[in-house]
């Protein structure tokens, strides 16, 4: 397994109408393309350096594809302690996903009430 990433992102669309996640119209692929094209910027509190991160697609080989619920990965590093780094990754990813959700609702690609939900997992066997 390729361990050249620090974080795994799992994204789904929650539909309150059907009370489960949905992928109608291949909406997850559209969302993932938006995510891949977005940069996450933040400034390290310790040294003032800017860190830029991109999520990218990763296909995990068996049996790892059964273990991970996400297929977007990033290799994110900065001169921050791990907890601060993880908090920043979560915060800025949440902002990017909220912007994507707002755009998609304005374009009628997401129905009213549907939300982009996500989770981020840190890979402790590589990267960091």
N, C-alpha and C. Protein backbone atom coordinates (compact mmCIF):
# COMPACT_ATOMS: atom_id res chain seq x y z
N UNK A 1 0.84 -1.18 0.00
CA UNK A 1 0.00 0.00 0.00
C UNK A 1 0.88 1.24 0.00
N UNK A 2 0.51 2.22 -0.78
CA UNK A 2 1.23 3.49 -0.85
C UNK A 2 0.89 4.32 0.39
N UNK A 3 1.90 4.63 1.21
CA UNK A 3 1.68 5.41 2.43
C UNK A 3 2.18 6.84 2.28
N UNK A 4 2.20 7.35 1.07
CA UNK A 4 2.74 8.70 0.85
C UNK A 4 1.66 9.77 1.04
N UNK A 5 0.77 9.54 1.98
CA UNK A 5 -0.26 10.52 2.30
C UNK A 5 -0.44 10.57 3.81
N UNK A 6 -0.93 11.68 4.28
CA UNK A 6 -1.13 11.85 5.72
C UNK A 6 -2.60 11.79 6.12
N UNK A 7 -3.50 12.13 5.19
CA UNK A 7 -4.92 12.21 5.51
C UNK A 7 -5.77 11.58 4.41
N UNK A 8 -6.89 10.96 4.81
CA UNK A 8 -7.86 10.38 3.88
C UNK A 8 -9.19 11.12 4.10
N UNK A 9 -9.81 11.54 3.00
CA UNK A 9 -11.08 12.26 3.06
C UNK A 9 -12.19 11.39 2.48
N UNK A 10 -13.24 11.22 3.24
CA UNK A 10 -14.44 10.51 2.78
C UNK A 10 -15.56 11.53 2.67
N UNK A 11 -16.19 11.62 1.50
CA UNK A 11 -17.26 12.58 1.24
C UNK A 11 -18.50 11.83 0.78
N UNK A 12 -19.64 12.22 1.31
CA UNK A 12 -20.93 11.66 0.92
C UNK A 12 -21.94 12.80 0.83
N UNK A 13 -23.07 12.53 0.19
CA UNK A 13 -24.20 13.47 0.16
C UNK A 13 -25.32 12.84 0.96
N UNK A 14 -25.74 13.56 2.00
CA UNK A 14 -26.83 13.09 2.86
C UNK A 14 -28.15 13.68 2.37
N UNK A 15 -29.13 12.81 2.16
CA UNK A 15 -30.46 13.25 1.75
C UNK A 15 -31.43 13.01 2.90
N UNK A 16 -31.98 14.08 3.48
CA UNK A 16 -32.93 13.89 4.57
C UNK A 16 -34.26 13.30 4.08
N UNK A 17 -34.53 13.42 2.79
CA UNK A 17 -35.79 12.91 2.23
C UNK A 17 -35.81 11.39 2.20
N UNK A 18 -34.66 10.78 1.85
CA UNK A 18 -34.60 9.31 1.82
C UNK A 18 -33.88 8.74 3.04
N UNK A 19 -33.38 9.64 3.90
CA UNK A 19 -32.72 9.28 5.15
C UNK A 19 -31.52 8.35 4.95
N UNK A 20 -30.74 8.66 3.91
CA UNK A 20 -29.51 7.93 3.64
C UNK A 20 -28.66 8.74 2.67
N UNK A 21 -27.44 8.25 2.42
CA UNK A 21 -26.59 8.94 1.45
C UNK A 21 -27.05 8.59 0.04
N UNK A 22 -26.71 9.48 -0.89
CA UNK A 22 -27.14 9.29 -2.27
C UNK A 22 -25.99 9.62 -3.23
N UNK A 23 -26.07 9.04 -4.40
CA UNK A 23 -25.11 9.34 -5.46
C UNK A 23 -25.86 9.50 -6.79
N UNK A 24 -27.07 10.05 -6.72
CA UNK A 24 -27.86 10.22 -7.95
C UNK A 24 -27.09 11.13 -8.92
N UNK A 25 -27.22 10.85 -10.19
CA UNK A 25 -26.55 11.66 -11.21
C UNK A 25 -25.04 11.71 -11.05
N UNK A 26 -24.48 10.69 -10.39
CA UNK A 26 -23.03 10.63 -10.15
C UNK A 26 -22.53 11.89 -9.44
N UNK A 27 -23.34 12.39 -8.51
CA UNK A 27 -23.05 13.64 -7.81
C UNK A 27 -21.73 13.59 -7.03
N UNK A 28 -21.36 12.42 -6.51
CA UNK A 28 -20.10 12.32 -5.76
C UNK A 28 -18.89 12.57 -6.64
N UNK A 29 -18.94 12.11 -7.87
CA UNK A 29 -17.84 12.35 -8.81
C UNK A 29 -17.69 13.85 -9.08
N UNK A 30 -18.81 14.52 -9.23
CA UNK A 30 -18.79 15.98 -9.46
C UNK A 30 -18.18 16.69 -8.26
N UNK A 31 -18.62 16.32 -7.07
CA UNK A 31 -18.10 16.93 -5.84
C UNK A 31 -16.61 16.66 -5.70
N UNK A 32 -16.19 15.45 -5.95
CA UNK A 32 -14.76 15.11 -5.83
C UNK A 32 -13.91 15.89 -6.81
N UNK A 33 -14.42 16.12 -8.01
CA UNK A 33 -13.68 16.94 -8.97
C UNK A 33 -13.53 18.37 -8.48
N UNK A 34 -14.59 18.92 -7.87
CA UNK A 34 -14.48 20.25 -7.25
C UNK A 34 -13.40 20.25 -6.17
N UNK A 35 -13.41 19.21 -5.32
CA UNK A 35 -12.44 19.12 -4.22
C UNK A 35 -11.02 19.04 -4.76
N UNK A 36 -10.81 18.20 -5.76
CA UNK A 36 -9.47 18.02 -6.33
C UNK A 36 -8.94 19.34 -6.89
N UNK A 37 -9.83 20.15 -7.45
CA UNK A 37 -9.41 21.42 -8.04
C UNK A 37 -9.29 22.56 -7.03
N UNK A 38 -9.69 22.32 -5.79
CA UNK A 38 -9.61 23.35 -4.75
C UNK A 38 -8.29 23.22 -4.00
N UNK A 39 -7.69 24.34 -3.64
CA UNK A 39 -6.50 24.35 -2.80
C UNK A 39 -6.92 24.75 -1.39
N UNK A 40 -6.34 24.12 -0.42
CA UNK A 40 -6.59 24.47 0.97
C UNK A 40 -5.36 25.23 1.45
N UNK A 41 -5.54 26.49 1.81
CA UNK A 41 -4.43 27.34 2.25
C UNK A 41 -4.57 27.63 3.73
N UNK A 42 -3.49 27.58 4.44
CA UNK A 42 -3.48 28.09 5.81
C UNK A 42 -2.07 28.51 6.18
N UNK A 43 -1.99 29.36 7.18
CA UNK A 43 -0.70 29.87 7.62
C UNK A 43 -0.35 29.27 8.97
N UNK A 44 0.83 28.72 9.05
CA UNK A 44 1.31 28.13 10.28
C UNK A 44 1.50 29.22 11.34
N UNK A 45 0.99 28.99 12.54
CA UNK A 45 1.15 29.95 13.63
C UNK A 45 2.59 30.02 14.11
N UNK A 46 3.34 28.93 13.98
CA UNK A 46 4.68 28.89 14.55
C UNK A 46 5.71 29.65 13.73
N UNK A 47 5.67 29.49 12.41
CA UNK A 47 6.72 30.11 11.61
C UNK A 47 6.19 31.05 10.52
N UNK A 48 4.87 31.22 10.41
CA UNK A 48 4.31 32.14 9.43
C UNK A 48 4.33 31.63 8.00
N UNK A 49 4.78 30.41 7.79
CA UNK A 49 4.82 29.84 6.44
C UNK A 49 3.44 29.40 5.99
N UNK A 50 3.18 29.57 4.71
CA UNK A 50 1.90 29.15 4.15
C UNK A 50 2.01 27.71 3.69
N UNK A 51 1.01 26.91 4.01
CA UNK A 51 0.96 25.52 3.55
C UNK A 51 -0.21 25.40 2.59
N UNK A 52 0.01 24.76 1.46
CA UNK A 52 -1.03 24.55 0.46
C UNK A 52 -1.20 23.05 0.29
N UNK A 53 -2.42 22.61 0.29
CA UNK A 53 -2.68 21.19 0.16
C UNK A 53 -3.72 20.95 -0.92
N UNK A 54 -3.57 19.85 -1.62
CA UNK A 54 -4.55 19.40 -2.59
C UNK A 54 -4.96 17.99 -2.25
N UNK A 55 -6.26 17.74 -2.29
CA UNK A 55 -6.74 16.37 -2.19
C UNK A 55 -6.62 15.75 -3.57
N UNK A 56 -6.25 14.48 -3.63
CA UNK A 56 -6.16 13.78 -4.91
C UNK A 56 -6.78 12.40 -4.76
N UNK A 57 -7.21 11.85 -5.90
CA UNK A 57 -7.82 10.52 -5.90
C UNK A 57 -6.76 9.45 -5.67
N UNK A 58 -7.15 8.41 -4.97
CA UNK A 58 -6.26 7.27 -4.75
C UNK A 58 -7.10 5.99 -4.81
N UNK A 59 -6.62 5.06 -5.57
CA UNK A 59 -7.27 3.75 -5.63
C UNK A 59 -6.48 2.80 -4.74
N UNK A 60 -7.10 2.33 -3.67
CA UNK A 60 -6.42 1.40 -2.78
C UNK A 60 -6.56 -0.02 -3.29
N UNK A 61 -5.49 -0.79 -3.16
CA UNK A 61 -5.51 -2.18 -3.56
C UNK A 61 -6.18 -3.02 -2.49
N UNK A 62 -6.62 -4.20 -2.88
CA UNK A 62 -7.21 -5.13 -1.92
C UNK A 62 -6.13 -5.55 -0.93
N UNK A 63 -6.37 -5.72 0.30
CA UNK A 63 -7.63 -5.60 1.02
C UNK A 63 -7.89 -4.19 1.56
N UNK A 64 -6.97 -3.25 1.28
CA UNK A 64 -7.07 -1.91 1.85
C UNK A 64 -8.30 -1.16 1.35
N UNK A 65 -8.75 -1.47 0.13
CA UNK A 65 -9.94 -0.79 -0.38
C UNK A 65 -11.17 -1.12 0.45
N UNK A 66 -11.13 -2.23 1.18
CA UNK A 66 -12.23 -2.60 2.08
C UNK A 66 -12.14 -1.86 3.42
N UNK A 67 -10.98 -1.33 3.74
CA UNK A 67 -10.76 -0.71 5.04
C UNK A 67 -11.07 0.78 5.06
N UNK A 68 -10.82 1.46 3.94
CA UNK A 68 -10.95 2.91 3.90
C UNK A 68 -12.26 3.31 3.25
N UNK A 69 -12.97 4.21 3.89
CA UNK A 69 -14.25 4.65 3.34
C UNK A 69 -14.08 5.80 2.37
N UNK A 70 -12.88 6.36 2.28
CA UNK A 70 -12.64 7.48 1.38
C UNK A 70 -11.66 7.11 0.29
N UNK A 71 -11.66 7.92 -0.76
CA UNK A 71 -10.71 7.68 -1.85
C UNK A 71 -9.98 8.95 -2.25
N UNK A 72 -10.06 9.98 -1.41
CA UNK A 72 -9.31 11.21 -1.61
C UNK A 72 -8.23 11.27 -0.54
N UNK A 73 -7.00 11.54 -0.94
CA UNK A 73 -5.89 11.58 0.01
C UNK A 73 -5.12 12.88 -0.16
N UNK A 74 -4.39 13.26 0.88
CA UNK A 74 -3.53 14.43 0.82
C UNK A 74 -2.29 14.15 1.64
N UNK A 75 -1.20 14.78 1.25
CA UNK A 75 0.03 14.73 2.03
C UNK A 75 0.25 16.14 2.55
N UNK A 76 -0.14 16.36 3.79
CA UNK A 76 -0.16 17.69 4.37
C UNK A 76 0.87 17.77 5.49
N UNK A 77 1.75 18.74 5.37
CA UNK A 77 2.72 18.95 6.44
C UNK A 77 2.92 20.44 6.65
N UNK A 78 3.21 20.79 7.87
CA UNK A 78 3.50 22.18 8.23
C UNK A 78 4.22 22.13 9.57
N UNK A 79 4.81 23.22 9.93
CA UNK A 79 5.51 23.30 11.21
C UNK A 79 4.52 23.56 12.33
N UNK A 80 3.63 22.59 12.52
CA UNK A 80 2.60 22.65 13.54
C UNK A 80 2.60 21.33 14.29
N UNK A 81 2.09 21.34 15.53
CA UNK A 81 1.91 20.06 16.18
C UNK A 81 0.75 19.34 15.46
N UNK A 82 0.68 18.04 15.61
CA UNK A 82 -0.27 17.22 14.87
C UNK A 82 -1.71 17.65 15.14
N UNK A 83 -2.05 17.92 16.39
CA UNK A 83 -3.42 18.30 16.71
C UNK A 83 -3.80 19.61 16.02
N UNK A 84 -2.90 20.59 16.04
CA UNK A 84 -3.17 21.87 15.39
C UNK A 84 -3.29 21.68 13.88
N UNK A 85 -2.42 20.87 13.31
CA UNK A 85 -2.48 20.58 11.88
C UNK A 85 -3.81 19.92 11.52
N UNK A 86 -4.19 18.91 12.28
CA UNK A 86 -5.46 18.23 12.00
C UNK A 86 -6.65 19.17 12.12
N UNK A 87 -6.63 20.04 13.13
CA UNK A 87 -7.72 21.01 13.29
C UNK A 87 -7.80 21.94 12.08
N UNK A 88 -6.65 22.40 11.60
CA UNK A 88 -6.63 23.28 10.43
C UNK A 88 -7.10 22.56 9.18
N UNK A 89 -6.65 21.34 8.98
CA UNK A 89 -7.08 20.56 7.82
C UNK A 89 -8.59 20.39 7.85
N UNK A 90 -9.13 20.05 9.01
CA UNK A 90 -10.58 19.87 9.15
C UNK A 90 -11.31 21.19 8.88
N UNK A 91 -10.87 22.26 9.51
CA UNK A 91 -11.53 23.57 9.38
C UNK A 91 -11.57 24.04 7.94
N UNK A 92 -10.45 24.01 7.26
CA UNK A 92 -10.40 24.54 5.91
C UNK A 92 -11.06 23.60 4.90
N UNK A 93 -10.99 22.30 5.15
CA UNK A 93 -11.72 21.37 4.29
C UNK A 93 -13.22 21.59 4.45
N UNK A 94 -13.66 21.81 5.66
CA UNK A 94 -15.08 22.09 5.91
C UNK A 94 -15.52 23.35 5.17
N UNK A 95 -14.69 24.40 5.18
CA UNK A 95 -15.02 25.64 4.45
C UNK A 95 -15.11 25.39 2.95
N UNK A 96 -14.15 24.64 2.41
CA UNK A 96 -14.16 24.34 0.98
C UNK A 96 -15.42 23.56 0.62
N UNK A 97 -15.76 22.57 1.42
CA UNK A 97 -16.95 21.76 1.13
C UNK A 97 -18.23 22.57 1.27
N UNK A 98 -18.27 23.52 2.21
CA UNK A 98 -19.45 24.38 2.33
C UNK A 98 -19.59 25.27 1.09
N UNK A 99 -18.48 25.79 0.60
CA UNK A 99 -18.51 26.59 -0.64
C UNK A 99 -18.99 25.75 -1.82
N UNK A 100 -18.50 24.52 -1.92
CA UNK A 100 -18.92 23.62 -3.00
C UNK A 100 -20.42 23.34 -2.88
N UNK A 101 -20.87 23.06 -1.66
CA UNK A 101 -22.30 22.79 -1.43
C UNK A 101 -23.15 23.99 -1.85
N UNK A 102 -22.73 25.19 -1.45
CA UNK A 102 -23.47 26.40 -1.82
C UNK A 102 -23.54 26.58 -3.33
N UNK A 103 -22.40 26.37 -4.02
CA UNK A 103 -22.36 26.48 -5.48
C UNK A 103 -23.29 25.47 -6.13
N UNK A 104 -23.25 24.25 -5.64
CA UNK A 104 -24.05 23.19 -6.25
C UNK A 104 -25.54 23.41 -6.01
N UNK A 105 -25.90 23.96 -4.87
CA UNK A 105 -27.31 24.28 -4.62
C UNK A 105 -27.76 25.42 -5.53
N UNK A 106 -26.90 26.41 -5.74
CA UNK A 106 -27.24 27.52 -6.63
C UNK A 106 -27.41 27.04 -8.07
N UNK A 107 -26.70 25.99 -8.44
CA UNK A 107 -26.79 25.42 -9.79
C UNK A 107 -27.83 24.30 -9.88
N UNK A 108 -28.58 24.09 -8.80
CA UNK A 108 -29.59 23.03 -8.71
C UNK A 108 -29.02 21.63 -8.93
N UNK A 109 -27.76 21.44 -8.54
CA UNK A 109 -27.15 20.12 -8.60
C UNK A 109 -27.36 19.35 -7.31
N UNK A 110 -27.63 20.08 -6.23
CA UNK A 110 -28.02 19.48 -4.96
C UNK A 110 -29.42 19.97 -4.64
N UNK A 111 -30.26 19.07 -4.17
CA UNK A 111 -31.63 19.44 -3.81
C UNK A 111 -31.63 20.13 -2.45
N UNK A 112 -32.68 20.88 -2.21
CA UNK A 112 -32.82 21.56 -0.93
C UNK A 112 -32.82 20.54 0.20
N UNK A 113 -32.08 20.80 1.22
CA UNK A 113 -31.99 19.90 2.36
C UNK A 113 -30.83 18.93 2.28
N UNK A 114 -30.34 18.64 1.08
CA UNK A 114 -29.20 17.75 0.96
C UNK A 114 -27.94 18.46 1.43
N UNK A 115 -27.05 17.69 2.05
CA UNK A 115 -25.83 18.25 2.59
C UNK A 115 -24.65 17.38 2.22
N UNK A 116 -23.52 18.03 2.02
CA UNK A 116 -22.26 17.31 1.86
C UNK A 116 -21.75 17.02 3.27
N UNK A 117 -21.54 15.75 3.56
CA UNK A 117 -20.99 15.35 4.85
C UNK A 117 -19.63 14.70 4.59
N UNK A 118 -18.76 14.76 5.58
CA UNK A 118 -17.42 14.23 5.38
C UNK A 118 -16.79 13.80 6.68
N UNK A 119 -15.74 13.02 6.54
CA UNK A 119 -14.88 12.65 7.64
C UNK A 119 -13.45 12.61 7.12
N UNK A 120 -12.52 12.93 7.99
CA UNK A 120 -11.10 12.89 7.63
C UNK A 120 -10.40 11.96 8.60
N UNK A 121 -9.57 11.07 8.06
CA UNK A 121 -8.82 10.11 8.86
C UNK A 121 -7.34 10.39 8.62
N UNK A 122 -6.56 10.40 9.69
CA UNK A 122 -5.13 10.59 9.55
C UNK A 122 -4.46 9.23 9.44
N UNK A 123 -3.58 9.10 8.49
CA UNK A 123 -2.82 7.87 8.25
C UNK A 123 -1.62 7.88 9.20
N UNK A 124 -1.63 7.02 10.19
CA UNK A 124 -0.53 7.04 11.16
C UNK A 124 0.63 6.15 10.74
N UNK A 125 0.48 5.42 9.62
CA UNK A 125 1.58 4.55 9.21
C UNK A 125 2.50 5.19 8.18
N UNK A 126 2.21 6.42 7.79
CA UNK A 126 3.06 7.09 6.81
C UNK A 126 3.05 8.58 7.03
N UNK A 127 3.59 9.30 6.11
CA UNK A 127 3.51 10.75 6.07
C UNK A 127 4.00 11.47 7.29
N UNK A 128 3.28 11.41 8.39
CA UNK A 128 3.63 12.21 9.58
C UNK A 128 4.65 11.52 10.42
